[in-house]
Amino acid sequence: MAISLAVVEDIDDIRNGLKDYFSIQKSIDSVDVFANMEDILARLHNGYKPDVILSDIGLPGINGIDGIKLISALTPETDVIM
């Protein structure tokens, strides 16, 4: 069973590298990337529900630790990896 993955990372090279890597994994169906927590939270408010979110901790604006609380409130079934 393939999963959907979202990556939240503010550094372009790291974010794009993670997208490239995860996009070729057979166990991952789709990869969406976000440069900050605010962007993924906006998508989650509109019904977006990835299976797993891989998030940086040190993000500008809402950091990963504060973001995990907001993510859990919006989509408790989504697993978050920091």
PDB file of N, CA and C in Angstrom:
ATOM      1  N   MET A   1       0.836  -1.176   0.000  1.00  0.00           N
ATOM      2  CA  MET A   1       0.000   0.000   0.000  1.00  0.00           C
ATOM      3  C   MET A   1       0.883   1.242   0.000  1.00  0.00           C
ATOM      4  N   ALA A   2       0.715   2.096  -0.973  1.00  0.00           N
ATOM      5  CA  ALA A   2       1.495   3.323  -1.079  1.00  0.00           C
ATOM      6  C   ALA A   2       0.859   4.423  -0.228  1.00  0.00           C
ATOM      7  N   ILE A   3       1.693   5.311   0.274  1.00  0.00           N
ATOM      8  CA  ILE A   3       1.216   6.399   1.118  1.00  0.00           C
ATOM      9  C   ILE A   3       1.415   7.744   0.429  1.00  0.00           C
ATOM     10  N   SER A   4       0.672   8.732   0.895  1.00  0.00           N
ATOM     11  CA  SER A   4       0.894  10.106   0.443  1.00  0.00           C
ATOM     12  C   SER A   4       1.733  10.818   1.508  1.00  0.00           C
ATOM     13  N   LEU A   5       2.680  11.612   1.043  1.00  0.00           N
ATOM     14  CA  LEU A   5       3.632  12.269   1.926  1.00  0.00           C
ATOM     15  C   LEU A   5       3.661  13.765   1.639  1.00  0.00           C
ATOM     16  N   ALA A   6       3.735  14.542   2.697  1.00  0.00           N
ATOM     17  CA  ALA A   6       3.954  15.985   2.577  1.00  0.00           C
ATOM     18  C   ALA A   6       5.246  16.307   3.314  1.00  0.00           C
ATOM     19  N   VAL A   7       6.069  17.156   2.706  1.00  0.00           N
ATOM     20  CA  VAL A   7       7.332  17.580   3.302  1.00  0.00           C
ATOM     21  C   VAL A   7       7.249  19.084   3.559  1.00  0.00           C
ATOM     22  N   VAL A   8       7.582  19.489   4.791  1.00  0.00           N
ATOM     23  CA  VAL A   8       7.615  20.908   5.143  1.00  0.00           C
ATOM     24  C   VAL A   8       9.060  21.252   5.487  1.00  0.00           C
ATOM     25  N   GLU A   9       9.701  22.021   4.627  1.00  0.00           N
ATOM     26  CA  GLU A   9      11.123  22.376   4.781  1.00  0.00           C
ATOM     27  C   GLU A   9      11.349  23.730   4.132  1.00  0.00           C
ATOM     28  N   ASP A  10      11.979  24.643   4.859  1.00  0.00           N
ATOM     29  CA  ASP A  10      12.166  25.995   4.333  1.00  0.00           C
ATOM     30  C   ASP A  10      13.392  26.156   3.441  1.00  0.00           C
ATOM     31  N   ILE A  11      14.339  25.251   3.489  1.00  0.00           N
ATOM     32  CA  ILE A  11      15.545  25.358   2.667  1.00  0.00           C
ATOM     33  C   ILE A  11      15.283  24.676   1.322  1.00  0.00           C
ATOM     34  N   ASP A  12      15.346  25.467   0.253  1.00  0.00           N
ATOM     35  CA  ASP A  12      14.986  24.991  -1.085  1.00  0.00           C
ATOM     36  C   ASP A  12      15.716  23.722  -1.497  1.00  0.00           C
ATOM     37  N   ASP A  13      17.039  23.689  -1.352  1.00  0.00           N
ATOM     38  CA  ASP A  13      17.817  22.523  -1.791  1.00  0.00           C
ATOM     39  C   ASP A  13      17.426  21.255  -1.034  1.00  0.00           C
ATOM     40  N   ILE A  14      17.204  21.377   0.254  1.00  0.00           N
ATOM     41  CA  ILE A  14      16.807  20.211   1.055  1.00  0.00           C
ATOM     42  C   ILE A  14      15.399  19.777   0.661  1.00  0.00           C
ATOM     43  N   ARG A  15      14.485  20.738   0.570  1.00  0.00           N
ATOM     44  CA  ARG A  15      13.087  20.425   0.209  1.00  0.00           C
ATOM     45  C   ARG A  15      13.014  19.730  -1.152  1.00  0.00           C
ATOM     46  N   ASN A  16      13.716  20.275  -2.140  1.00  0.00           N
ATOM     47  CA  ASN A  16      13.698  19.681  -3.479  1.00  0.00           C
ATOM     48  C   ASN A  16      14.397  18.330  -3.517  1.00  0.00           C
ATOM     49  N   GLY A  17      15.466  18.179  -2.747  1.00  0.00           N
ATOM     50  CA  GLY A  17      16.149  16.889  -2.671  1.00  0.00           C
ATOM     51  C   GLY A  17      15.271  15.813  -2.055  1.00  0.00           C
ATOM     52  N   LEU A  18      14.554  16.180  -0.996  1.00  0.00           N
ATOM     53  CA  LEU A  18      13.634  15.227  -0.373  1.00  0.00           C
ATOM     54  C   LEU A  18      12.506  14.848  -1.329  1.00  0.00           C
ATOM     55  N   LYS A  19      11.991  15.826  -2.047  1.00  0.00           N
ATOM     56  CA  LYS A  19      10.933  15.526  -3.021  1.00  0.00           C
ATOM     57  C   LYS A  19      11.449  14.563  -4.091  1.00  0.00           C
ATOM     58  N   ASP A  20      12.638  14.839  -4.628  1.00  0.00           N
ATOM     59  CA  ASP A  20      13.218  13.960  -5.647  1.00  0.00           C
ATOM     60  C   ASP A  20      13.405  12.552  -5.113  1.00  0.00           C
ATOM     61  N   TYR A  21      13.941  12.439  -3.900  1.00  0.00           N
ATOM     62  CA  TYR A  21      14.197  11.125  -3.309  1.00  0.00           C
ATOM     63  C   TYR A  21      12.891  10.356  -3.066  1.00  0.00           C
ATOM     64  N   PHE A  22      11.952  10.985  -2.384  1.00  0.00           N
ATOM     65  CA  PHE A  22      10.716  10.288  -2.037  1.00  0.00           C
ATOM     66  C   PHE A  22       9.833  10.005  -3.253  1.00  0.00           C
ATOM     67  N   SER A  23       9.947  10.809  -4.285  1.00  0.00           N
ATOM     68  CA  SER A  23       9.133  10.609  -5.487  1.00  0.00           C
ATOM     69  C   SER A  23       9.458   9.310  -6.226  1.00  0.00           C
ATOM     70  N   ILE A  24      10.655   8.781  -6.035  1.00  0.00           N
ATOM     71  CA  ILE A  24      11.032   7.542  -6.731  1.00  0.00           C
ATOM     72  C   ILE A  24      10.858   6.293  -5.865  1.00  0.00           C
ATOM     73  N   GLN A  25      10.351   6.468  -4.648  1.00  0.00           N
ATOM     74  CA  GLN A  25      10.134   5.321  -3.764  1.00  0.00           C
ATOM     75  C   GLN A  25       8.808   4.643  -4.101  1.00  0.00           C
ATOM     76  N   LYS A  26       8.840   3.353  -4.256  1.00  0.00           N
ATOM     77  CA  LYS A  26       7.630   2.616  -4.646  1.00  0.00           C
ATOM     78  C   LYS A  26       6.546   2.642  -3.580  1.00  0.00           C
ATOM     79  N   SER A  27       6.933   2.802  -2.331  1.00  0.00           N
ATOM     80  CA  SER A  27       5.940   2.795  -1.252  1.00  0.00           C
ATOM     81  C   SER A  27       5.284   4.160  -1.037  1.00  0.00           C
ATOM     82  N   ILE A  28       5.694   5.148  -1.830  1.00  0.00           N
ATOM     83  CA  ILE A  28       5.117   6.486  -1.706  1.00  0.00           C
ATOM     84  C   ILE A  28       4.397   6.841  -2.997  1.00  0.00           C
ATOM     85  N   ASP A  29       3.110   7.077  -2.856  1.00  0.00           N
ATOM     86  CA  ASP A  29       2.243   7.363  -4.000  1.00  0.00           C
ATOM     87  C   ASP A  29       2.386   8.789  -4.497  1.00  0.00           C
ATOM     88  N   SER A  30       2.436   9.748  -3.567  1.00  0.00           N
ATOM     89  CA  SER A  30       2.552  11.153  -3.962  1.00  0.00           C
ATOM     90  C   SER A  30       3.350  11.920  -2.919  1.00  0.00           C
ATOM     91  N   VAL A  31       4.051  12.965  -3.392  1.00  0.00           N
ATOM     92  CA  VAL A  31       4.848  13.817  -2.516  1.00  0.00           C
ATOM     93  C   VAL A  31       4.491  15.273  -2.821  1.00  0.00           C
ATOM     94  N   ASP A  32       4.048  15.972  -1.799  1.00  0.00           N
ATOM     95  CA  ASP A  32       3.807  17.409  -1.911  1.00  0.00           C
ATOM     96  C   ASP A  32       4.793  18.109  -0.992  1.00  0.00           C
ATOM     97  N   VAL A  33       5.298  19.262  -1.419  1.00  0.00           N
ATOM     98  CA  VAL A  33       6.274  19.982  -0.608  1.00  0.00           C
ATOM     99  C   VAL A  33       5.767  21.383  -0.285  1.00  0.00           C
ATOM    100  N   PHE A  34       6.154  21.852   0.892  1.00  0.00           N
ATOM    101  CA  PHE A  34       5.750  23.156   1.385  1.00  0.00           C
ATOM    102  C   PHE A  34       6.952  23.835   2.021  1.00  0.00           C
ATOM    103  N   ALA A  35       7.089  25.147   1.808  1.00  0.00           N
ATOM    104  CA  ALA A  35       8.226  25.902   2.324  1.00  0.00           C
ATOM    105  C   ALA A  35       8.011  26.391   3.756  1.00  0.00           C
ATOM    106  N   ASN A  36       6.775  26.319   4.233  1.00  0.00           N
ATOM    107  CA  ASN A  36       6.504  26.772   5.603  1.00  0.00           C
ATOM    108  C   ASN A  36       5.240  26.101   6.130  1.00  0.00           C
ATOM    109  N   MET A  37       5.058  26.224   7.423  1.00  0.00           N
ATOM    110  CA  MET A  37       3.921  25.585   8.084  1.00  0.00           C
ATOM    111  C   MET A  37       2.604  26.244   7.681  1.00  0.00           C
ATOM    112  N   GLU A  38       2.629  27.541   7.459  1.00  0.00           N
ATOM    113  CA  GLU A  38       1.405  28.247   7.093  1.00  0.00           C
ATOM    114  C   GLU A  38       0.798  27.714   5.794  1.00  0.00           C
ATOM    115  N   ASP A  39       1.649  27.378   4.816  1.00  0.00           N
ATOM    116  CA  ASP A  39       1.146  26.866   3.536  1.00  0.00           C
ATOM    117  C   ASP A  39       0.464  25.505   3.682  1.00  0.00           C
ATOM    118  N   ILE A  40       1.073  24.609   4.449  1.00  0.00           N
ATOM    119  CA  ILE A  40       0.437  23.287   4.596  1.00  0.00           C
ATOM    120  C   ILE A  40      -0.823  23.396   5.452  1.00  0.00           C
ATOM    121  N   LEU A  41      -0.811  24.262   6.458  1.00  0.00           N
ATOM    122  CA  LEU A  41      -2.021  24.432   7.272  1.00  0.00           C
ATOM    123  C   LEU A  41      -3.179  24.960   6.432  1.00  0.00           C
ATOM    124  N   ALA A  42      -2.899  25.862   5.514  1.00  0.00           N
ATOM    125  CA  ALA A  42      -3.953  26.367   4.618  1.00  0.00           C
ATOM    126  C   ALA A  42      -4.534  25.236   3.779  1.00  0.00           C
ATOM    127  N   ARG A  43      -3.667  24.350   3.265  1.00  0.00           N
ATOM    128  CA  ARG A  43      -4.155  23.196   2.486  1.00  0.00           C
ATOM    129  C   ARG A  43      -4.953  22.238   3.359  1.00  0.00           C
ATOM    130  N   LEU A  44      -4.484  22.014   4.585  1.00  0.00           N
ATOM    131  CA  LEU A  44      -5.213  21.122   5.492  1.00  0.00           C
ATOM    132  C   LEU A  44      -6.594  21.683   5.804  1.00  0.00           C
ATOM    133  N   HIS A  45      -6.708  22.987   5.939  1.00  0.00           N
ATOM    134  CA  HIS A  45      -8.015  23.627   6.182  1.00  0.00           C
ATOM    135  C   HIS A  45      -8.961  23.401   5.015  1.00  0.00           C
ATOM    136  N   ASN A  46      -8.407  23.158   3.829  1.00  0.00           N
ATOM    137  CA  ASN A  46      -9.225  22.941   2.627  1.00  0.00           C
ATOM    138  C   ASN A  46      -9.403  21.463   2.291  1.00  0.00           C
ATOM    139  N   GLY A  47      -9.158  20.589   3.260  1.00  0.00           N
ATOM    140  CA  GLY A  47      -9.448  19.179   3.062  1.00  0.00           C
ATOM    141  C   GLY A  47      -8.290  18.291   2.656  1.00  0.00           C
ATOM    142  N   TYR A  48      -7.095  18.842   2.504  1.00  0.00           N
ATOM    143  CA  TYR A  48      -5.918  18.047   2.158  1.00  0.00           C
ATOM    144  C   TYR A  48      -5.552  17.168   3.349  1.00  0.00           C
ATOM    145  N   LYS A  49      -5.358  15.861   3.110  1.00  0.00           N
ATOM    146  CA  LYS A  49      -5.074  14.924   4.194  1.00  0.00           C
ATOM    147  C   LYS A  49      -4.021  13.896   3.768  1.00  0.00           C
ATOM    148  N   PRO A  50      -2.744  14.274   3.847  1.00  0.00           N
ATOM    149  CA  PRO A  50      -1.703  13.288   3.524  1.00  0.00           C
ATOM    150  C   PRO A  50      -1.638  12.233   4.627  1.00  0.00           C
ATOM    151  N   ASP A  51      -1.090  11.083   4.293  1.00  0.00           N
ATOM    152  CA  ASP A  51      -0.925  10.030   5.298  1.00  0.00           C
ATOM    153  C   ASP A  51       0.154  10.389   6.307  1.00  0.00           C
ATOM    154  N   VAL A  52       1.243  11.006   5.807  1.00  0.00           N
ATOM    155  CA  VAL A  52       2.394  11.338   6.646  1.00  0.00           C
ATOM    156  C   VAL A  52       2.893  12.738   6.284  1.00  0.00           C
ATOM    157  N   ILE A  53       3.273  13.493   7.306  1.00  0.00           N
ATOM    158  CA  ILE A  53       3.928  14.785   7.106  1.00  0.00           C
ATOM    159  C   ILE A  53       5.318  14.691   7.717  1.00  0.00           C
ATOM    160  N   LEU A  54       6.330  15.003   6.921  1.00  0.00           N
ATOM    161  CA  LEU A  54       7.717  15.088   7.383  1.00  0.00           C
ATOM    162  C   LEU A  54       8.032  16.567   7.498  1.00  0.00           C
ATOM    163  N   SER A  55       8.287  17.033   8.722  1.00  0.00           N
ATOM    164  CA  SER A  55       8.453  18.471   8.932  1.00  0.00           C
ATOM    165  C   SER A  55       9.768  18.808   9.610  1.00  0.00           C
ATOM    166  N   ASP A  56      10.360  19.902   9.149  1.00  0.00           N
ATOM    167  CA  ASP A  56      11.490  20.524   9.823  1.00  0.00           C
ATOM    168  C   ASP A  56      10.967  21.100  11.140  1.00  0.00           C
ATOM    169  N   ILE A  57      11.827  21.214  12.130  1.00  0.00           N
ATOM    170  CA  ILE A  57      11.436  21.829  13.400  1.00  0.00           C
ATOM    171  C   ILE A  57      11.627  23.338  13.329  1.00  0.00           C
ATOM    172  N   GLY A  58      12.802  23.772  12.839  1.00  0.00           N
ATOM    173  CA  GLY A  58      13.148  25.187  12.810  1.00  0.00           C
ATOM    174  C   GLY A  58      12.666  25.872  11.547  1.00  0.00           C
ATOM    175  N   LEU A  59      11.395  26.202  11.514  1.00  0.00           N
ATOM    176  CA  LEU A  59      10.795  26.873  10.355  1.00  0.00           C
ATOM    177  C   LEU A  59      10.543  28.338  10.682  1.00  0.00           C
ATOM    178  N   PRO A  60      10.572  29.211   9.671  1.00  0.00           N
ATOM    179  CA  PRO A  60      10.184  30.599   9.911  1.00  0.00           C
ATOM    180  C   PRO A  60       8.678  30.669  10.169  1.00  0.00           C
ATOM    181  N   GLY A  61       8.241  31.665  10.899  1.00  0.00           N
ATOM    182  CA  GLY A  61       6.813  31.756  11.214  1.00  0.00           C
ATOM    183  C   GLY A  61       6.445  30.694  12.237  1.00  0.00           C
ATOM    184  N   ILE A  62       5.448  29.892  11.935  1.00  0.00           N
ATOM    185  CA  ILE A  62       5.047  28.801  12.836  1.00  0.00           C
ATOM    186  C   ILE A  62       6.091  27.698  12.733  1.00  0.00           C
ATOM    187  N   ASN A  63       6.746  27.372  13.850  1.00  0.00           N
ATOM    188  CA  ASN A  63       7.770  26.322  13.815  1.00  0.00           C
ATOM    189  C   ASN A  63       7.118  24.938  13.828  1.00  0.00           C
ATOM    190  N   GLY A  64       7.931  23.917  13.640  1.00  0.00           N
ATOM    191  CA  GLY A  64       7.426  22.555  13.550  1.00  0.00           C
ATOM    192  C   GLY A  64       6.745  22.065  14.816  1.00  0.00           C
ATOM    193  N   ILE A  65       7.281  22.443  15.973  1.00  0.00           N
ATOM    194  CA  ILE A  65       6.688  22.001  17.241  1.00  0.00           C
ATOM    195  C   ILE A  65       5.286  22.586  17.424  1.00  0.00           C
ATOM    196  N   ASP A  66       5.151  23.876  17.170  1.00  0.00           N
ATOM    197  CA  ASP A  66       3.822  24.495  17.276  1.00  0.00           C
ATOM    198  C   ASP A  66       2.904  23.994  16.165  1.00  0.00           C
ATOM    199  N   GLY A  67       3.476  23.753  14.998  1.00  0.00           N
ATOM    200  CA  GLY A  67       2.697  23.275  13.859  1.00  0.00           C
ATOM    201  C   GLY A  67       2.090  21.906  14.080  1.00  0.00           C
ATOM    202  N   ILE A  68       2.817  21.023  14.775  1.00  0.00           N
ATOM    203  CA  ILE A  68       2.307  19.663  14.990  1.00  0.00           C
ATOM    204  C   ILE A  68       0.997  19.684  15.783  1.00  0.00           C
ATOM    205  N   LYS A  69       0.876  20.611  16.718  1.00  0.00           N
ATOM    206  CA  LYS A  69      -0.361  20.733  17.495  1.00  0.00           C
ATOM    207  C   LYS A  69      -1.523  21.149  16.592  1.00  0.00           C
ATOM    208  N   LEU A  70      -1.258  22.084  15.687  1.00  0.00           N
ATOM    209  CA  LEU A  70      -2.301  22.553  14.766  1.00  0.00           C
ATOM    210  C   LEU A  70      -2.673  21.474  13.753  1.00  0.00           C
ATOM    211  N   ILE A  71      -1.661  20.756  13.264  1.00  0.00           N
ATOM    212  CA  ILE A  71      -1.905  19.657  12.321  1.00  0.00           C
ATOM    213  C   ILE A  71      -2.777  18.587  12.971  1.00  0.00           C
ATOM    214  N   SER A  72      -2.414  18.212  14.195  1.00  0.00           N
ATOM    215  CA  SER A  72      -3.163  17.161  14.902  1.00  0.00           C
ATOM    216  C   SER A  72      -4.618  17.553  15.120  1.00  0.00           C
ATOM    217  N   ALA A  73      -4.868  18.835  15.342  1.00  0.00           N
ATOM    218  CA  ALA A  73      -6.244  19.293  15.528  1.00  0.00           C
ATOM    219  C   ALA A  73      -7.035  19.220  14.227  1.00  0.00           C
ATOM    220  N   LEU A  74      -6.369  19.484  13.097  1.00  0.00           N
ATOM    221  CA  LEU A  74      -7.049  19.481  11.794  1.00  0.00           C
ATOM    222  C   LEU A  74      -7.214  18.085  11.208  1.00  0.00           C
ATOM    223  N   THR A  75      -6.203  17.252  11.376  1.00  0.00           N
ATOM    224  CA  THR A  75      -6.218  15.920  10.775  1.00  0.00           C
ATOM    225  C   THR A  75      -5.507  14.925  11.689  1.00  0.00           C
ATOM    226  N   PRO A  76      -6.200  14.484  12.744  1.00  0.00           N
ATOM    227  CA  PRO A  76      -5.570  13.604  13.732  1.00  0.00           C
ATOM    228  C   PRO A  76      -5.094  12.262  13.172  1.00  0.00           C
ATOM    229  N   GLU A  77      -5.621  11.852  12.030  1.00  0.00           N
ATOM    230  CA  GLU A  77      -5.218  10.569  11.454  1.00  0.00           C
ATOM    231  C   GLU A  77      -3.892  10.653  10.698  1.00  0.00           C
ATOM    232  N   THR A  78      -3.376  11.856  10.483  1.00  0.00           N
ATOM    233  CA  THR A  78      -2.110  12.037   9.775  1.00  0.00           C
ATOM    234  C   THR A  78      -0.945  11.890  10.756  1.00  0.00           C
ATOM    235  N   ASP A  79       0.037  11.061  10.394  1.00  0.00           N
ATOM    236  CA  ASP A  79       1.240  10.907  11.211  1.00  0.00           C
ATOM    237  C   ASP A  79       2.213  12.026  10.877  1.00  0.00           C
ATOM    238  N   VAL A  80       2.897  12.551  11.891  1.00  0.00           N
ATOM    239  CA  VAL A  80       3.872  13.617  11.691  1.00  0.00           C
ATOM    240  C   VAL A  80       5.226  13.136  12.186  1.00  0.00           C
ATOM    241  N   ILE A  81       6.228  13.307  11.331  1.00  0.00           N
ATOM    242  CA  ILE A  81       7.611  12.974  11.673  1.00  0.00           C
ATOM    243  C   ILE A  81       8.398  14.271  11.664  1.00  0.00           C
ATOM    244  N   MET A  82       9.159  14.506  12.710  1.00  0.00           N
ATOM    245  CA  MET A  82       9.960  15.730  12.799  1.00  0.00           C
ATOM    246  C   MET A  82      11.416  15.393  12.521  1.00  0.00           C
TER     247      MET A  82
END
